[in-house]
Amino acid sequence: MKSITFAVRNMKELLRDFISYIFCLGLPIIMLVVMTLINQSIPQMEGAPKVFNIEQLTPAMAVFAMTFLMLFVCIRVSSDRSSAFLTRLYASPMKSSDFIIGYVLPFALTGIIQAVITYLCGEIISLIVNGESLNIGYMLLSIPLLIPAIVLFIGIGIIFGTFFNAKAAPGLCSAVITGAAILGGIWMDIDTMGDGWKTVCSCLPFYHSVQYARYALAGNFSDMLTPMLICTAFAIVIFTASIIAFAFKMKSDKK
């Protein structure tokens, strides 16, 4: 119950922040529209990259939107740590697990809402541009399958918010957001950039999270399994690390 009360407080804080609407919801949709317009203005040639096609771009933008979850959970954790609010809560019977649940629940829910809105926007664009619908069944299935990616980015945000202050943490998140966009293959086709670059991207979770999201929307579940398992493994490791880090820092701050 303590964790739910804390989660409600964090959700209210997120809803009060107008900037969160711009970054978590507005920016991914704007980018989806802009990249579609760019794709429409480019002559389509044989063998041209398909990353800007709406069926490829929509799941990639759903993952990209999650990077802003990382930013805002990082800001929330670091701001709470730098204020007297979290210090007072440390004196309460709340455990580190209550804090983690209280941070995760509202942002995980926000991630699901982000995915729903992004896919709905992709559906509308597909109807306008292509005159045909995306596969609704695959779309509905894709949304819960994005949970490992959501947990991954929330975990990174908690780690940054735990170890860095409210001034330094957002800058580090911005670097990760840029890295996720480039190394995840959101704006470019990683497979056409050489084996060396693809190897680098394959060593990080961003590429795999984008790949399995694309496979899920396409209904290509046999190819989806490997990148999804890799992303899930990264999510488990990073989220576990965030729990340990927060518990360690909580004990340290109490002393």
Protein backbone atom coordinates (compact mmCIF):
# COMPACT_ATOMS: atom_id res chain seq x y z
CA MET A 1 0.00 0.00 0.00
CA LYS A 2 2.87 2.37 0.80
CA SER A 3 4.35 1.79 -2.67
CA ILE A 4 0.98 2.44 -4.35
CA THR A 5 0.59 5.73 -2.45
CA PHE A 6 4.09 6.73 -3.51
CA ALA A 7 3.33 5.69 -7.11
CA VAL A 8 0.20 7.87 -7.14
CA ARG A 9 2.26 10.81 -5.94
CA ASN A 10 4.81 10.27 -8.71
CA MET A 11 2.09 10.00 -11.34
CA LYS A 12 0.61 13.29 -10.14
CA GLU A 13 4.03 14.92 -10.36
CA LEU A 14 4.44 13.63 -13.91
CA LEU A 15 0.98 14.83 -14.94
CA ARG A 16 1.63 18.28 -13.50
CA ASP A 17 4.79 18.66 -15.59
CA PHE A 18 3.74 20.13 -18.96
CA ILE A 19 7.17 19.41 -20.44
CA SER A 20 6.55 15.68 -19.99
CA TYR A 21 3.60 15.88 -22.39
CA ILE A 22 5.81 17.52 -25.00
CA PHE A 23 8.64 15.01 -24.79
CA CYS A 24 6.86 11.79 -23.86
CA LEU A 25 3.88 12.17 -26.20
CA GLY A 26 4.24 15.18 -28.51
CA LEU A 27 7.80 14.79 -29.80
CA PRO A 28 7.54 11.11 -30.88
CA ILE A 29 4.31 11.85 -32.77
CA ILE A 30 5.79 14.93 -34.42
CA MET A 31 8.86 12.94 -35.44
CA LEU A 32 6.63 10.19 -36.84
CA VAL A 33 4.78 12.72 -38.99
CA VAL A 34 7.92 14.59 -40.07
CA MET A 35 9.83 11.45 -41.04
CA THR A 36 6.84 10.19 -42.99
CA LEU A 37 6.69 13.48 -44.92
CA ILE A 38 10.42 13.22 -45.63
CA ASN A 39 9.99 9.65 -46.82
CA GLN A 40 7.16 10.74 -49.12
CA SER A 41 9.32 13.46 -50.67
CA ILE A 42 12.23 11.11 -51.44
CA PRO A 43 12.05 9.17 -54.73
CA GLN A 44 11.68 5.49 -53.91
CA MET A 45 14.41 3.49 -55.60
CA GLU A 46 15.14 -0.21 -55.74
CA GLY A 47 17.04 -1.31 -52.64
CA ALA A 48 16.42 1.98 -50.77
CA PRO A 49 16.32 1.72 -46.94
CA LYS A 50 12.84 1.08 -45.59
CA VAL A 51 13.33 2.47 -42.08
CA PHE A 52 11.14 5.48 -42.88
CA ASN A 53 8.26 3.36 -44.13
CA ILE A 54 5.40 3.74 -41.69
CA GLU A 55 5.30 0.04 -40.75
CA GLN A 56 9.01 0.24 -39.83
CA LEU A 57 8.97 3.73 -38.38
CA THR A 58 5.98 3.30 -36.04
CA PRO A 59 7.49 0.60 -33.76
CA ALA A 60 10.87 2.35 -33.85
CA MET A 61 9.25 5.58 -32.67
CA ALA A 62 7.40 3.67 -29.94
CA VAL A 63 10.79 2.54 -28.61
CA PHE A 64 12.31 6.00 -29.07
CA ALA A 65 9.49 7.49 -26.97
CA MET A 66 10.58 5.25 -24.09
CA THR A 67 13.96 6.99 -23.91
CA PHE A 68 12.10 10.02 -22.55
CA LEU A 69 10.66 7.82 -19.82
CA MET A 70 14.26 7.25 -18.80
CA LEU A 71 14.83 11.01 -18.73
CA PHE A 72 11.81 11.81 -16.57
CA VAL A 73 12.24 8.95 -14.10
CA CYS A 74 15.87 10.06 -13.77
CA ILE A 75 14.77 13.64 -13.08
CA ARG A 76 12.17 12.43 -10.57
CA VAL A 77 14.61 10.24 -8.62
CA SER A 78 17.47 12.77 -8.64
CA SER A 79 15.13 15.63 -7.66
CA ASP A 80 13.66 13.61 -4.78
CA ARG A 81 17.13 12.72 -3.56
CA SER A 82 18.31 16.34 -3.63
CA SER A 83 15.26 17.58 -1.72
CA ALA A 84 14.15 17.01 1.85
CA PHE A 85 11.19 14.96 0.58
CA LEU A 86 13.05 11.68 0.13
CA THR A 87 15.04 12.27 3.30
CA ARG A 88 11.81 12.43 5.28
CA LEU A 89 10.52 9.29 3.58
CA TYR A 90 13.71 7.45 4.56
CA ALA A 91 12.55 7.86 8.17
CA SER A 92 9.26 6.13 7.32
CA PRO A 93 8.71 2.34 7.34
CA MET A 94 9.09 2.29 3.51
CA LYS A 95 11.67 -0.14 2.14
CA SER A 96 13.80 0.31 -0.96
CA SER A 97 11.44 -2.05 -2.81
CA ASP A 98 8.53 0.29 -2.01
CA PHE A 99 10.42 3.19 -3.53
CA ILE A 100 11.34 1.22 -6.66
CA ILE A 101 7.75 0.04 -7.19
CA GLY A 102 6.54 3.59 -6.59
CA TYR A 103 8.82 4.88 -9.33
CA VAL A 104 8.28 2.03 -11.78
CA LEU A 105 4.47 1.77 -11.83
CA PRO A 106 3.57 5.29 -13.04
CA PHE A 107 6.32 5.38 -15.64
CA ALA A 108 5.57 1.87 -16.89
CA LEU A 109 1.92 2.88 -17.29
CA THR A 110 3.06 5.99 -19.13
CA GLY A 111 5.16 3.80 -21.44
CA ILE A 112 2.12 1.69 -22.33
CA ILE A 113 0.10 4.85 -23.03
CA GLN A 114 2.95 6.16 -25.19
CA ALA A 115 2.95 2.96 -27.23
CA VAL A 116 -0.83 3.02 -27.70
CA ILE A 117 -0.81 6.64 -28.88
CA THR A 118 2.18 6.08 -31.17
CA TYR A 119 0.58 3.04 -32.81
CA LEU A 120 -2.72 4.88 -33.21
CA CYS A 121 -0.87 7.74 -34.87
CA GLY A 122 0.95 5.25 -37.11
CA GLU A 123 -2.38 3.68 -38.05
CA ILE A 124 -3.84 7.05 -39.04
CA ILE A 125 -0.75 7.95 -41.09
CA SER A 126 -0.81 4.55 -42.81
CA LEU A 127 -4.44 5.05 -43.80
CA ILE A 128 -3.68 8.51 -45.18
CA VAL A 129 -0.40 7.70 -46.93
CA ASN A 130 -0.88 4.10 -48.04
CA GLY A 131 -4.65 3.87 -48.03
CA GLU A 132 -4.45 0.71 -45.94
CA SER A 133 -4.43 -0.20 -42.27
CA LEU A 134 -1.60 -1.64 -40.24
CA ASN A 135 -2.35 -5.10 -38.91
CA ILE A 136 -4.54 -4.37 -35.88
CA GLY A 137 -3.98 -7.80 -34.33
CA TYR A 138 -0.20 -7.50 -34.51
CA MET A 139 -0.46 -3.94 -33.23
CA LEU A 140 -2.40 -5.01 -30.14
CA LEU A 141 0.06 -7.84 -29.53
CA SER A 142 3.06 -5.54 -29.99
CA ILE A 143 2.12 -3.20 -27.15
CA PRO A 144 2.53 -5.65 -24.20
CA LEU A 145 5.61 -7.09 -25.91
CA LEU A 146 7.28 -3.70 -25.45
CA ILE A 147 7.36 -4.14 -21.66
CA PRO A 148 11.00 -5.39 -21.59
CA ALA A 149 12.09 -2.23 -23.42
CA ILE A 150 10.06 -0.09 -21.01
CA VAL A 151 11.69 -1.79 -18.00
CA LEU A 152 15.12 -1.37 -19.62
CA PHE A 153 14.85 2.41 -19.96
CA ILE A 154 13.22 2.90 -16.56
CA GLY A 155 16.07 0.93 -15.01
CA ILE A 156 18.68 3.14 -16.69
CA GLY A 157 16.82 6.23 -15.47
CA ILE A 158 16.75 4.98 -11.88
CA ILE A 159 20.49 4.25 -11.95
CA PHE A 160 21.35 7.74 -13.26
CA GLY A 161 18.93 9.39 -10.83
CA THR A 162 20.41 7.42 -7.94
CA PHE A 163 24.07 8.26 -8.52
CA PHE A 164 23.92 11.73 -10.07
CA ASN A 165 22.34 14.99 -8.97
CA ALA A 166 19.46 16.80 -10.64
CA LYS A 167 21.85 18.89 -12.77
CA ALA A 168 24.12 16.13 -14.08
CA ALA A 169 21.63 13.27 -14.51
CA PRO A 170 19.48 14.79 -17.32
CA GLY A 171 22.61 15.49 -19.39
CA LEU A 172 23.67 11.87 -19.15
CA CYS A 173 20.18 10.77 -20.16
CA SER A 174 20.32 13.07 -23.18
CA ALA A 175 23.51 11.32 -24.28
CA VAL A 176 21.79 7.93 -23.93
CA ILE A 177 18.77 9.20 -25.90
CA THR A 178 21.06 10.24 -28.75
CA GLY A 179 22.96 6.96 -28.56
CA ALA A 180 19.74 4.94 -28.58
CA ALA A 181 18.52 6.77 -31.68
CA ILE A 182 21.80 6.22 -33.57
CA LEU A 183 22.79 2.78 -32.31
CA GLY A 184 19.22 1.48 -32.32
CA GLY A 185 18.79 2.01 -36.03
CA ILE A 186 15.76 4.25 -35.63
CA TRP A 187 16.86 6.69 -38.34
CA MET A 188 19.12 4.41 -40.37
CA ASP A 189 19.38 0.86 -41.62
CA ILE A 190 22.09 -0.73 -39.47
CA ASP A 191 22.35 -3.73 -41.82
CA THR A 192 23.66 -1.50 -44.65
CA MET A 193 26.37 0.19 -42.55
CA GLY A 194 28.93 -2.59 -42.45
CA ASP A 195 29.64 -5.53 -40.19
CA GLY A 196 31.79 -3.52 -37.79
CA TRP A 197 29.08 -0.98 -37.00
CA LYS A 198 26.44 -3.68 -36.75
CA THR A 199 28.63 -5.59 -34.28
CA VAL A 200 28.90 -2.49 -32.08
CA CYS A 201 25.14 -1.96 -32.21
CA SER A 202 24.49 -5.63 -31.46
CA CYS A 203 26.46 -5.34 -28.22
CA LEU A 204 23.92 -2.84 -26.87
CA PRO A 205 20.22 -3.30 -26.10
CA PHE A 206 18.89 -0.43 -28.22
CA TYR A 207 19.29 -2.15 -31.58
CA HIS A 208 17.60 -5.31 -30.32
CA SER A 209 14.67 -3.43 -28.77
CA VAL A 210 13.96 -1.65 -32.08
CA GLN A 211 14.41 -4.84 -34.09
CA TYR A 212 12.01 -6.96 -32.09
CA ALA A 213 9.42 -4.16 -32.01
CA ARG A 214 9.54 -4.05 -35.81
CA TYR A 215 9.31 -7.82 -36.11
CA ALA A 216 6.33 -7.88 -33.73
CA LEU A 217 4.34 -5.35 -35.75
CA ALA A 218 5.18 -7.26 -38.93
CA GLY A 219 4.04 -10.54 -37.36
CA ASN A 220 7.50 -12.03 -37.88
CA PHE A 221 7.57 -13.83 -34.54
CA SER A 222 10.26 -16.36 -35.44
CA ASP A 223 12.81 -13.56 -36.05
CA MET A 224 11.45 -11.55 -33.13
CA LEU A 225 12.35 -14.11 -30.46
CA THR A 226 16.15 -13.66 -30.38
CA PRO A 227 16.30 -9.83 -30.17
CA MET A 228 13.45 -9.85 -27.65
CA LEU A 229 15.28 -12.33 -25.42
CA ILE A 230 18.46 -10.25 -25.67
CA CYS A 231 16.57 -7.06 -24.76
CA THR A 232 14.84 -8.88 -21.90
CA ALA A 233 18.19 -10.11 -20.57
CA PHE A 234 19.57 -6.56 -20.67
CA ALA A 235 16.41 -5.29 -18.94
CA ILE A 236 16.69 -7.86 -16.15
CA VAL A 237 20.37 -7.08 -15.52
CA ILE A 238 19.94 -3.29 -15.63
CA PHE A 239 16.77 -3.27 -13.56
CA THR A 240 18.35 -5.55 -10.95
CA ALA A 241 21.35 -3.21 -10.88
CA SER A 242 19.02 -0.25 -10.35
CA ILE A 243 17.38 -1.97 -7.36
CA ILE A 244 20.76 -2.76 -5.80
CA ALA A 245 22.05 0.74 -6.51
CA PHE A 246 19.01 2.44 -4.99
CA ALA A 247 19.10 0.21 -1.90
CA PHE A 248 22.82 0.89 -1.45
CA LYS A 249 22.38 4.65 -1.86
CA MET A 250 19.38 4.64 0.49
CA LYS A 251 21.44 3.01 3.24
CA SER A 252 24.31 5.40 2.55
CA ASP A 253 22.07 8.49 2.72
CA LYS A 254 20.52 7.32 6.00
CA LYS A 255 23.89 7.30 7.72
